[in-house]
Amino acid sequence: MSKRLNYIVFAPGYDPDSGGSIFLHQLVHALNQSGEKAFLWHWQTPLTIQRQRLYTILKRPSLLWKPQPFERDAMLNTPIARPQDLTKRSIVVYPEVTLGNPLRAKNVARWLLYRPGIRNPYDFGPDEMFFRAGEMSDLPEVTGGAPELFVWRINPIYRNENRSDRKGSCFIVRKGEAKPRIAETANAIQIDGMSHAEIAEVFNRCETFYSYDEATLYSQFAAICGCDSVVVPGFYASREDWVQSHELARYGVAYGLDDLAHARATRHLTLGVLQAQEAKGMQSVQNFVRLTQSRFG
């Protein structure tokens, strides 16, 4: 038997519009590509069945126990775990939104994809290892300062088509729902819920993109497509404070309308920053493997 411990990543079905879903599935892919054995474990339970199925289930209760399809990206190496793949030696990876230890794993790595407690409650065990997707995701008073772990790739659909007829604006809300709306987005196109293909098309026909969410990568994708990309401020006192927690957005993105000159002057640097971050992400996966195998092996 191999001395290497395998990985079980507790995740929802693949959703191309959900950063958390993408990260969890891409972690399994990255681990398998680097020679480890990693699997997805679907976190769906009867309590989280999609609303559109509820009426059918009320008519046919037997459907409640019928296994549902587990959506995955066909381009990723993400096998689904079988019961025998989960052993006492497995390293189970939970995101911060998973309460407790539902798989009763002995070895738990907790991946903080968003700062716990801001949007969702949290329940961590006493012997967990912590990793963070970025500085903003960490909870140092609990983790002691978690090492970084992130995996993502630039969606090639985002590119500048250099259209000459750009006009109007668009915006996204996501985690910025508590912010008051600014006048510039009153008649703008809202892209929340659109597919990547639809968003890329909007980015290429609009002049300006506004994001009420201060952490989404759509701000950089808009810049790649040639938009003036503006984050609506609110959480941080200044651009400097914001960039300290969002280093990827240091180029091509304005923190408020008075920062547009910087965004325009540095927009051409955005793609290179993201490409370098892809490579850095794989290094963080290698470090994750080293730390977890050393701790739990």
C-alpha atoms as a PDB file:
ATOM      1  CA  MET A   1       0.000   0.000   0.000  1.00  0.00           C
ATOM      2  CA  SER A   2       1.245   3.465  -0.865  1.00  0.00           C
ATOM      3  CA  LYS A   3       2.427   5.604   2.012  1.00  0.00           C
ATOM      4  CA  ARG A   4       0.913   8.668   0.376  1.00  0.00           C
ATOM      5  CA  LEU A   5      -2.398   9.830   1.832  1.00  0.00           C
ATOM      6  CA  ASN A   6      -5.162  10.531  -0.657  1.00  0.00           C
ATOM      7  CA  TYR A   7      -7.352  13.645  -0.723  1.00  0.00           C
ATOM      8  CA  ILE A   8     -11.131  13.891  -0.511  1.00  0.00           C
ATOM      9  CA  VAL A   9     -12.453  17.359  -1.391  1.00  0.00           C
ATOM     10  CA  PHE A  10     -15.937  18.096  -0.066  1.00  0.00           C
ATOM     11  CA  ALA A  11     -17.604  20.160  -2.799  1.00  0.00           C
ATOM     12  CA  PRO A  12     -20.834  21.077  -4.582  1.00  0.00           C
ATOM     13  CA  GLY A  13     -21.439  20.302  -8.238  1.00  0.00           C
ATOM     14  CA  TYR A  14     -19.393  22.323 -10.690  1.00  0.00           C
ATOM     15  CA  ASP A  15     -20.750  25.815 -11.275  1.00  0.00           C
ATOM     16  CA  PRO A  16     -18.775  27.938 -13.780  1.00  0.00           C
ATOM     17  CA  ASP A  17     -20.225  31.078 -12.182  1.00  0.00           C
ATOM     18  CA  SER A  18     -19.229  30.221  -8.605  1.00  0.00           C
ATOM     19  CA  GLY A  19     -15.652  30.957  -7.547  1.00  0.00           C
ATOM     20  CA  GLY A  20     -15.864  28.563  -4.609  1.00  0.00           C
ATOM     21  CA  SER A  21     -17.071  25.686  -6.760  1.00  0.00           C
ATOM     22  CA  ILE A  22     -14.369  26.355  -9.350  1.00  0.00           C
ATOM     23  CA  PHE A  23     -11.608  26.436  -6.733  1.00  0.00           C
ATOM     24  CA  LEU A  24     -12.688  23.177  -5.088  1.00  0.00           C
ATOM     25  CA  HIS A  25     -12.929  21.278  -8.375  1.00  0.00           C
ATOM     26  CA  GLN A  26      -9.682  22.714  -9.701  1.00  0.00           C
ATOM     27  CA  LEU A  27      -7.888  21.690  -6.503  1.00  0.00           C
ATOM     28  CA  VAL A  28      -8.809  18.050  -7.184  1.00  0.00           C
ATOM     29  CA  HIS A  29      -7.590  18.448 -10.768  1.00  0.00           C
ATOM     30  CA  ALA A  30      -4.320  20.095  -9.702  1.00  0.00           C
ATOM     31  CA  LEU A  31      -3.621  17.420  -7.095  1.00  0.00           C
ATOM     32  CA  ASN A  32      -4.182  14.622  -9.606  1.00  0.00           C
ATOM     33  CA  GLN A  33      -2.069  16.379 -12.235  1.00  0.00           C
ATOM     34  CA  SER A  34       0.788  16.612  -9.736  1.00  0.00           C
ATOM     35  CA  GLY A  35       0.747  12.865  -9.026  1.00  0.00           C
ATOM     36  CA  GLU A  36      -1.444  12.729  -5.919  1.00  0.00           C
ATOM     37  CA  LYS A  37      -4.720  10.804  -5.634  1.00  0.00           C
ATOM     38  CA  ALA A  38      -7.639  13.165  -5.142  1.00  0.00           C
ATOM     39  CA  PHE A  39     -11.411  12.782  -5.364  1.00  0.00           C
ATOM     40  CA  LEU A  40     -14.565  14.858  -5.117  1.00  0.00           C
ATOM     41  CA  TRP A  41     -17.172  14.085  -2.462  1.00  0.00           C
ATOM     42  CA  HIS A  42     -20.570  15.643  -3.214  1.00  0.00           C
ATOM     43  CA  TRP A  43     -21.827  17.678  -0.282  1.00  0.00           C
ATOM     44  CA  GLN A  44     -25.489  17.610  -1.366  1.00  0.00           C
ATOM     45  CA  THR A  45     -27.947  16.299   1.222  1.00  0.00           C
ATOM     46  CA  PRO A  46     -31.763  16.214   1.278  1.00  0.00           C
ATOM     47  CA  LEU A  47     -31.669  19.575   3.066  1.00  0.00           C
ATOM     48  CA  THR A  48     -29.898  21.245   0.152  1.00  0.00           C
ATOM     49  CA  ILE A  49     -31.972  19.898  -2.715  1.00  0.00           C
ATOM     50  CA  GLN A  50     -32.559  22.580  -5.321  1.00  0.00           C
ATOM     51  CA  ARG A  51     -35.802  24.500  -5.012  1.00  0.00           C
ATOM     52  CA  GLN A  52     -37.021  23.551  -8.477  1.00  0.00           C
ATOM     53  CA  ARG A  53     -37.093  19.873  -7.447  1.00  0.00           C
ATOM     54  CA  LEU A  54     -39.202  20.462  -4.346  1.00  0.00           C
ATOM     55  CA  TYR A  55     -42.596  20.309  -6.030  1.00  0.00           C
ATOM     56  CA  THR A  56     -41.730  17.059  -7.831  1.00  0.00           C
ATOM     57  CA  ILE A  57     -40.447  15.505  -4.621  1.00  0.00           C
ATOM     58  CA  LEU A  58     -43.660  16.401  -2.789  1.00  0.00           C
ATOM     59  CA  LYS A  59     -45.567  14.480  -5.453  1.00  0.00           C
ATOM     60  CA  ARG A  60     -43.073  11.592  -5.536  1.00  0.00           C
ATOM     61  CA  PRO A  61     -41.294  11.331  -2.153  1.00  0.00           C
ATOM     62  CA  SER A  62     -39.175   8.398  -3.384  1.00  0.00           C
ATOM     63  CA  LEU A  63     -37.135  10.905  -5.409  1.00  0.00           C
ATOM     64  CA  LEU A  64     -35.761  12.263  -2.156  1.00  0.00           C
ATOM     65  CA  TRP A  65     -33.413   9.289  -1.908  1.00  0.00           C
ATOM     66  CA  LYS A  66     -32.555   9.058  -5.596  1.00  0.00           C
ATOM     67  CA  PRO A  67     -28.912  10.051  -6.256  1.00  0.00           C
ATOM     68  CA  GLN A  68     -28.618  13.288  -8.215  1.00  0.00           C
ATOM     69  CA  PRO A  69     -26.114  13.971 -11.020  1.00  0.00           C
ATOM     70  CA  PHE A  70     -22.871  15.514  -9.812  1.00  0.00           C
ATOM     71  CA  GLU A  71     -21.970  18.206 -12.321  1.00  0.00           C
ATOM     72  CA  ARG A  72     -18.284  18.335 -13.246  1.00  0.00           C
ATOM     73  CA  ASP A  73     -16.140  20.108 -15.815  1.00  0.00           C
ATOM     74  CA  ALA A  74     -15.243  17.530 -18.460  1.00  0.00           C
ATOM     75  CA  MET A  75     -11.868  19.239 -18.941  1.00  0.00           C
ATOM     76  CA  LEU A  76     -10.820  18.580 -15.347  1.00  0.00           C
ATOM     77  CA  ASN A  77      -9.480  15.368 -13.802  1.00  0.00           C
ATOM     78  CA  THR A  78     -12.001  15.183 -10.959  1.00  0.00           C
ATOM     79  CA  PRO A  79     -13.069  11.585 -10.157  1.00  0.00           C
ATOM     80  CA  ILE A  80     -15.903  11.100  -7.687  1.00  0.00           C
ATOM     81  CA  ALA A  81     -14.915   9.314  -4.478  1.00  0.00           C
ATOM     82  CA  ARG A  82     -16.254   5.838  -3.800  1.00  0.00           C
ATOM     83  CA  PRO A  83     -16.952   4.812  -0.190  1.00  0.00           C
ATOM     84  CA  GLN A  84     -13.732   2.766  -0.135  1.00  0.00           C
ATOM     85  CA  ASP A  85     -11.680   5.837  -1.123  1.00  0.00           C
ATOM     86  CA  LEU A  86     -12.486   7.475   2.209  1.00  0.00           C
ATOM     87  CA  THR A  87     -10.288   5.850   4.844  1.00  0.00           C
ATOM     88  CA  LYS A  88      -8.798   6.819   8.195  1.00  0.00           C
ATOM     89  CA  ARG A  89      -5.702   7.917   6.297  1.00  0.00           C
ATOM     90  CA  SER A  90      -7.548  10.234   3.890  1.00  0.00           C
ATOM     91  CA  ILE A  91      -7.053  13.980   4.095  1.00  0.00           C
ATOM     92  CA  VAL A  92     -10.485  15.583   3.811  1.00  0.00           C
ATOM     93  CA  VAL A  93     -10.635  19.164   2.545  1.00  0.00           C
ATOM     94  CA  TYR A  94     -13.634  21.217   3.674  1.00  0.00           C
ATOM     95  CA  PRO A  95     -14.419  24.807   2.645  1.00  0.00           C
ATOM     96  CA  GLU A  96     -15.156  27.230   5.466  1.00  0.00           C
ATOM     97  CA  VAL A  97     -18.927  27.057   4.841  1.00  0.00           C
ATOM     98  CA  THR A  98     -19.091  23.365   5.793  1.00  0.00           C
ATOM     99  CA  LEU A  99     -20.127  23.093   9.426  1.00  0.00           C
ATOM    100  CA  GLY A 100     -18.183  20.606  11.516  1.00  0.00           C
ATOM    101  CA  ASN A 101     -16.827  17.355  10.119  1.00  0.00           C
ATOM    102  CA  PRO A 102     -19.696  15.580   8.293  1.00  0.00           C
ATOM    103  CA  LEU A 103     -17.415  12.797   6.960  1.00  0.00           C
ATOM    104  CA  ARG A 104     -15.969  12.214  10.448  1.00  0.00           C
ATOM    105  CA  ALA A 105     -12.485  12.406   8.994  1.00  0.00           C
ATOM    106  CA  LYS A 106      -9.418  11.966  11.165  1.00  0.00           C
ATOM    107  CA  ASN A 107      -7.343  14.353   9.017  1.00  0.00           C
ATOM    108  CA  VAL A 108      -9.028  17.650   8.142  1.00  0.00           C
ATOM    109  CA  ALA A 109      -7.681  20.541   6.072  1.00  0.00           C
ATOM    110  CA  ARG A 110      -9.968  23.569   6.149  1.00  0.00           C
ATOM    111  CA  TRP A 111      -9.788  25.836   3.102  1.00  0.00           C
ATOM    112  CA  LEU A 112     -10.951  29.387   3.787  1.00  0.00           C
ATOM    113  CA  LEU A 113     -12.311  30.682   0.483  1.00  0.00           C
ATOM    114  CA  TYR A 114     -14.032  33.631   2.174  1.00  0.00           C
ATOM    115  CA  ARG A 115     -13.611  35.139   5.625  1.00  0.00           C
ATOM    116  CA  PRO A 116     -15.641  32.994   8.070  1.00  0.00           C
ATOM    117  CA  GLY A 117     -18.429  34.720   9.931  1.00  0.00           C
ATOM    118  CA  ILE A 118     -19.046  37.584   7.493  1.00  0.00           C
ATOM    119  CA  ARG A 119     -21.707  35.844   5.420  1.00  0.00           C
ATOM    120  CA  ASN A 120     -21.994  32.384   6.968  1.00  0.00           C
ATOM    121  CA  PRO A 121     -21.472  30.834  10.412  1.00  0.00           C
ATOM    122  CA  TYR A 122     -18.554  28.468  10.933  1.00  0.00           C
ATOM    123  CA  ASP A 123     -17.768  25.436  13.056  1.00  0.00           C
ATOM    124  CA  PHE A 124     -14.157  24.205  13.026  1.00  0.00           C
ATOM    125  CA  GLY A 125     -12.614  21.277  14.859  1.00  0.00           C
ATOM    126  CA  PRO A 126      -9.670  21.491  17.293  1.00  0.00           C
ATOM    127  CA  ASP A 127      -7.080  19.655  15.173  1.00  0.00           C
ATOM    128  CA  GLU A 128      -7.685  21.066  11.703  1.00  0.00           C
ATOM    129  CA  MET A 129      -5.064  22.504   9.353  1.00  0.00           C
ATOM    130  CA  PHE A 130      -6.015  25.844   7.843  1.00  0.00           C
ATOM    131  CA  PHE A 131      -5.300  27.283   4.409  1.00  0.00           C
ATOM    132  CA  ARG A 132      -6.527  30.531   2.931  1.00  0.00           C
ATOM    133  CA  ALA A 133      -7.384  31.564  -0.615  1.00  0.00           C
ATOM    134  CA  GLY A 134      -6.062  35.045   0.157  1.00  0.00           C
ATOM    135  CA  GLU A 135      -5.375  37.442   2.994  1.00  0.00           C
ATOM    136  CA  MET A 136      -8.977  38.640   3.069  1.00  0.00           C
ATOM    137  CA  SER A 137     -10.161  35.045   3.631  1.00  0.00           C
ATOM    138  CA  ASP A 138      -8.074  34.410   6.715  1.00  0.00           C
ATOM    139  CA  LEU A 139      -9.219  34.525  10.336  1.00  0.00           C
ATOM    140  CA  PRO A 140      -5.841  34.865  12.105  1.00  0.00           C
ATOM    141  CA  GLU A 141      -7.270  34.737  15.619  1.00  0.00           C
ATOM    142  CA  VAL A 142      -8.483  31.214  14.814  1.00  0.00           C
ATOM    143  CA  THR A 143      -5.889  29.975  12.300  1.00  0.00           C
ATOM    144  CA  GLY A 144      -2.779  31.621  13.675  1.00  0.00           C
ATOM    145  CA  GLY A 145      -2.104  32.824  10.131  1.00  0.00           C
ATOM    146  CA  ALA A 146      -2.939  30.289   7.427  1.00  0.00           C
ATOM    147  CA  PRO A 147      -0.674  29.572   4.436  1.00  0.00           C
ATOM    148  CA  GLU A 148      -2.077  30.374   1.010  1.00  0.00           C
ATOM    149  CA  LEU A 149      -3.736  27.851  -1.274  1.00  0.00           C
ATOM    150  CA  PHE A 150      -5.355  28.894  -4.524  1.00  0.00           C
ATOM    151  CA  VAL A 151      -5.908  27.332  -7.936  1.00  0.00           C
ATOM    152  CA  TRP A 152      -7.569  28.896 -10.921  1.00  0.00           C
ATOM    153  CA  ARG A 153      -7.028  29.532 -14.586  1.00  0.00           C
ATOM    154  CA  ILE A 154      -7.857  32.464 -16.801  1.00  0.00           C
ATOM    155  CA  ASN A 155     -10.933  31.711 -18.855  1.00  0.00           C
ATOM    156  CA  PRO A 156      -9.769  32.254 -22.457  1.00  0.00           C
ATOM    157  CA  ILE A 157     -13.181  33.598 -23.415  1.00  0.00           C
ATOM    158  CA  TYR A 158     -12.177  36.942 -21.870  1.00  0.00           C
ATOM    159  CA  ARG A 159     -10.254  38.886 -24.499  1.00  0.00           C
ATOM    160  CA  ASN A 160     -10.431  42.334 -26.036  1.00  0.00           C
ATOM    161  CA  GLU A 161     -12.220  42.288 -29.398  1.00  0.00           C
ATOM    162  CA  ASN A 162     -11.234  45.959 -29.968  1.00  0.00           C
ATOM    163  CA  ARG A 163     -14.710  47.038 -31.003  1.00  0.00           C
ATOM    164  CA  SER A 164     -15.103  50.633 -32.148  1.00  0.00           C
ATOM    165  CA  ASP A 165     -18.761  50.934 -31.092  1.00  0.00           C
ATOM    166  CA  ARG A 166     -18.458  50.575 -27.312  1.00  0.00           C
ATOM    167  CA  LYS A 167     -21.128  52.396 -25.322  1.00  0.00           C
ATOM    168  CA  GLY A 168     -22.922  52.225 -21.995  1.00  0.00           C
ATOM    169  CA  SER A 169     -21.981  50.428 -18.827  1.00  0.00           C
ATOM    170  CA  CYS A 170     -22.529  47.223 -16.898  1.00  0.00           C
ATOM    171  CA  PHE A 171     -22.248  46.155 -13.282  1.00  0.00           C
ATOM    172  CA  ILE A 172     -22.165  43.223 -10.876  1.00  0.00           C
ATOM    173  CA  VAL A 173     -23.426  43.016  -7.283  1.00  0.00           C
ATOM    174  CA  ARG A 174     -22.463  39.567  -5.885  1.00  0.00           C
ATOM    175  CA  LYS A 175     -21.162  40.114  -2.333  1.00  0.00           C
ATOM    176  CA  GLY A 176     -21.767  43.866  -2.493  1.00  0.00           C
ATOM    177  CA  GLU A 177     -25.533  43.683  -2.023  1.00  0.00           C
ATOM    178  CA  ALA A 178     -25.433  45.851   1.117  1.00  0.00           C
ATOM    179  CA  LYS A 179     -23.917  48.847  -0.692  1.00  0.00           C
ATOM    180  CA  PRO A 180     -26.182  51.665  -1.887  1.00  0.00           C
ATOM    181  CA  ARG A 181     -26.421  51.860  -5.668  1.00  0.00           C
ATOM    182  CA  ILE A 182     -24.553  54.645  -7.444  1.00  0.00           C
ATOM    183  CA  ALA A 183     -26.108  56.769 -10.192  1.00  0.00           C
ATOM    184  CA  GLU A 184     -23.698  55.415 -12.832  1.00  0.00           C
ATOM    185  CA  THR A 185     -25.367  51.991 -12.715  1.00  0.00           C
ATOM    186  CA  ALA A 186     -28.988  53.189 -12.842  1.00  0.00           C
ATOM    187  CA  ASN A 187     -29.423  52.200 -16.524  1.00  0.00           C
ATOM    188  CA  ALA A 188     -26.529  49.753 -16.750  1.00  0.00           C
ATOM    189  CA  ILE A 189     -26.637  46.064 -17.672  1.00  0.00           C
ATOM    190  CA  GLN A 190     -26.479  43.779 -14.626  1.00  0.00           C
ATOM    191  CA  ILE A 191     -24.344  40.693 -15.332  1.00  0.00           C
ATOM    192  CA  ASP A 192     -25.112  38.702 -12.172  1.00  0.00           C
ATOM    193  CA  GLY A 193     -26.295  35.250 -13.253  1.00  0.00           C
ATOM    194  CA  MET A 194     -25.008  35.482 -16.824  1.00  0.00           C
ATOM    195  CA  SER A 195     -22.738  32.848 -18.352  1.00  0.00           C
ATOM    196  CA  HIS A 196     -19.070  33.603 -19.016  1.00  0.00           C
ATOM    197  CA  ALA A 197     -19.794  33.839 -22.746  1.00  0.00           C
ATOM    198  CA  GLU A 198     -22.588  36.357 -22.146  1.00  0.00           C
ATOM    199  CA  ILE A 199     -20.448  38.413 -19.750  1.00  0.00           C
ATOM    200  CA  ALA A 200     -17.499  38.505 -22.168  1.00  0.00           C
ATOM    201  CA  GLU A 201     -19.826  39.811 -24.872  1.00  0.00           C
ATOM    202  CA  VAL A 202     -21.155  42.546 -22.559  1.00  0.00           C
ATOM    203  CA  PHE A 203     -17.617  43.516 -21.517  1.00  0.00           C
ATOM    204  CA  ASN A 204     -16.691  43.963 -25.162  1.00  0.00           C
ATOM    205  CA  ARG A 205     -19.593  46.273 -26.003  1.00  0.00           C
ATOM    206  CA  CYS A 206     -19.623  48.406 -22.844  1.00  0.00           C
ATOM    207  CA  GLU A 207     -17.303  51.268 -21.952  1.00  0.00           C
ATOM    208  CA  THR A 208     -17.361  50.880 -18.170  1.00  0.00           C
ATOM    209  CA  PHE A 209     -17.823  48.063 -15.677  1.00  0.00           C
ATOM    210  CA  TYR A 210     -18.777  48.704 -12.044  1.00  0.00           C
ATOM    211  CA  SER A 211     -18.371  46.089  -9.313  1.00  0.00           C
ATOM    212  CA  TYR A 212     -20.063  46.402  -5.925  1.00  0.00           C
ATOM    213  CA  ASP A 213     -18.107  43.284  -4.908  1.00  0.00           C
ATOM    214  CA  GLU A 214     -14.579  44.354  -3.979  1.00  0.00           C
ATOM    215  CA  ALA A 215     -13.013  40.899  -4.402  1.00  0.00           C
ATOM    216  CA  THR A 216     -14.385  39.414  -7.624  1.00  0.00           C
ATOM    217  CA  LEU A 217     -12.071  38.576 -10.536  1.00  0.00           C
ATOM    218  CA  TYR A 218     -14.686  39.919 -12.933  1.00  0.00           C
ATOM    219  CA  SER A 219     -13.063  43.309 -12.344  1.00  0.00           C
ATOM    220  CA  GLN A 220      -9.860  42.027 -13.943  1.00  0.00           C
ATOM    221  CA  PHE A 221     -11.726  40.138 -16.674  1.00  0.00           C
ATOM    222  CA  ALA A 222     -13.469  43.389 -17.608  1.00  0.00           C
ATOM    223  CA  ALA A 223     -10.094  45.131 -17.858  1.00  0.00           C
ATOM    224  CA  ILE A 224      -8.756  42.345 -20.105  1.00  0.00           C
ATOM    225  CA  CYS A 225     -11.754  42.920 -22.377  1.00  0.00           C
ATOM    226  CA  GLY A 226     -10.960  46.642 -22.612  1.00  0.00           C
ATOM    227  CA  CYS A 227     -13.500  48.070 -20.159  1.00  0.00           C
ATOM    228  CA  ASP A 228     -12.852  50.843 -17.706  1.00  0.00           C
ATOM    229  CA  SER A 229     -13.131  48.668 -14.587  1.00  0.00           C
ATOM    230  CA  VAL A 230     -14.309  50.381 -11.393  1.00  0.00           C
ATOM    231  CA  VAL A 231     -14.785  48.896  -7.930  1.00  0.00           C
ATOM    232  CA  VAL A 232     -17.407  50.755  -5.892  1.00  0.00           C
ATOM    233  CA  PRO A 233     -15.601  51.526  -2.601  1.00  0.00           C
ATOM    234  CA  GLY A 234     -16.983  50.892   0.833  1.00  0.00           C
ATOM    235  CA  PHE A 235     -15.094  48.255   2.774  1.00  0.00           C
ATOM    236  CA  TYR A 236     -11.664  49.941   2.765  1.00  0.00           C
ATOM    237  CA  ALA A 237     -10.669  53.487   3.646  1.00  0.00           C
ATOM    238  CA  SER A 238      -8.368  53.962   0.663  1.00  0.00           C
ATOM    239  CA  ARG A 239      -7.075  52.397  -2.532  1.00  0.00           C
ATOM    240  CA  GLU A 240      -3.839  51.523  -0.738  1.00  0.00           C
ATOM    241  CA  ASP A 241      -5.697  49.555   1.950  1.00  0.00           C
ATOM    242  CA  TRP A 242      -7.770  47.765  -0.682  1.00  0.00           C
ATOM    243  CA  VAL A 243      -4.781  46.785  -2.845  1.00  0.00           C
ATOM    244  CA  GLN A 244      -2.985  45.410   0.198  1.00  0.00           C
ATOM    245  CA  SER A 245      -5.681  42.724   0.423  1.00  0.00           C
ATOM    246  CA  HIS A 246      -6.324  42.474  -3.347  1.00  0.00           C
ATOM    247  CA  GLU A 247      -2.890  42.504  -4.933  1.00  0.00           C
ATOM    248  CA  LEU A 248      -4.130  41.041  -8.212  1.00  0.00           C
ATOM    249  CA  ALA A 249      -6.187  44.174  -8.781  1.00  0.00           C
ATOM    250  CA  ARG A 250      -3.264  46.574  -8.489  1.00  0.00           C
ATOM    251  CA  TYR A 251      -3.340  47.097 -12.260  1.00  0.00           C
ATOM    252  CA  GLY A 252      -6.248  47.781 -14.578  1.00  0.00           C
ATOM    253  CA  VAL A 253      -8.871  48.326 -11.870  1.00  0.00           C
ATOM    254  CA  ALA A 254      -9.978  51.621 -10.294  1.00  0.00           C
ATOM    255  CA  TYR A 255     -10.980  51.819  -6.642  1.00  0.00           C
ATOM    256  CA  GLY A 256     -13.624  54.490  -7.089  1.00  0.00           C
ATOM    257  CA  LEU A 257     -14.238  56.835  -9.998  1.00  0.00           C
ATOM    258  CA  ASP A 258     -11.413  59.175  -9.038  1.00  0.00           C
ATOM    259  CA  ASP A 259      -8.941  56.322  -9.656  1.00  0.00           C
ATOM    260  CA  LEU A 260      -9.816  55.816 -13.339  1.00  0.00           C
ATOM    261  CA  ALA A 261      -6.622  57.368 -14.693  1.00  0.00           C
ATOM    262  CA  HIS A 262      -4.538  54.687 -12.942  1.00  0.00           C
ATOM    263  CA  ALA A 263      -6.787  51.892 -14.206  1.00  0.00           C
ATOM    264  CA  ARG A 264      -6.538  53.063 -17.808  1.00  0.00           C
ATOM    265  CA  ALA A 265      -2.769  53.588 -17.699  1.00  0.00           C
ATOM    266  CA  THR A 266      -2.102  50.102 -16.295  1.00  0.00           C
ATOM    267  CA  ARG A 267      -4.808  48.068 -18.029  1.00  0.00           C
ATOM    268  CA  HIS A 268      -2.275  46.478 -20.409  1.00  0.00           C
ATOM    269  CA  LEU A 269      -0.515  44.877 -17.421  1.00  0.00           C
ATOM    270  CA  THR A 270      -3.583  43.015 -16.117  1.00  0.00           C
ATOM    271  CA  LEU A 271      -3.247  39.824 -18.167  1.00  0.00           C
ATOM    272  CA  GLY A 272       0.412  39.340 -17.256  1.00  0.00           C
ATOM    273  CA  VAL A 273      -0.388  39.619 -13.542  1.00  0.00           C
ATOM    274  CA  LEU A 274      -3.057  36.928 -13.829  1.00  0.00           C
ATOM    275  CA  GLN A 275      -0.764  34.625 -15.821  1.00  0.00           C
ATOM    276  CA  ALA A 276       1.911  34.931 -13.147  1.00  0.00           C
ATOM    277  CA  GLN A 277      -0.721  34.181 -10.521  1.00  0.00           C
ATOM    278  CA  GLU A 278      -1.655  30.941 -12.279  1.00  0.00           C
ATOM    279  CA  ALA A 279       1.925  29.712 -11.896  1.00  0.00           C
ATOM    280  CA  LYS A 280       2.049  30.889  -8.291  1.00  0.00           C
ATOM    281  CA  GLY A 281      -1.153  28.956  -7.607  1.00  0.00           C
ATOM    282  CA  MET A 282       0.457  25.674  -8.639  1.00  0.00           C
ATOM    283  CA  GLN A 283       3.319  26.414  -6.253  1.00  0.00           C
ATOM    284  CA  SER A 284       0.773  26.875  -3.462  1.00  0.00           C
ATOM    285  CA  VAL A 285      -0.712  23.453  -4.284  1.00  0.00           C
ATOM    286  CA  GLN A 286       2.730  21.869  -4.016  1.00  0.00           C
ATOM    287  CA  ASN A 287       3.217  23.553  -0.659  1.00  0.00           C
ATOM    288  CA  PHE A 288      -0.230  22.347   0.461  1.00  0.00           C
ATOM    289  CA  VAL A 289       0.758  18.773  -0.398  1.00  0.00           C
ATOM    290  CA  ARG A 290       4.055  19.059   1.441  1.00  0.00           C
ATOM    291  CA  LEU A 291       2.455  20.469   4.585  1.00  0.00           C
ATOM    292  CA  THR A 292      -0.492  18.073   4.724  1.00  0.00           C
ATOM    293  CA  GLN A 293       1.511  14.924   3.972  1.00  0.00           C
ATOM    294  CA  SER A 294       4.040  15.945   6.624  1.00  0.00           C
ATOM    295  CA  ARG A 295       1.372  16.695   9.237  1.00  0.00           C
ATOM    296  CA  PHE A 296      -0.951  13.739   8.658  1.00  0.00           C
ATOM    297  CA  GLY A 297       1.345  11.145   7.064  1.00  0.00           C
END
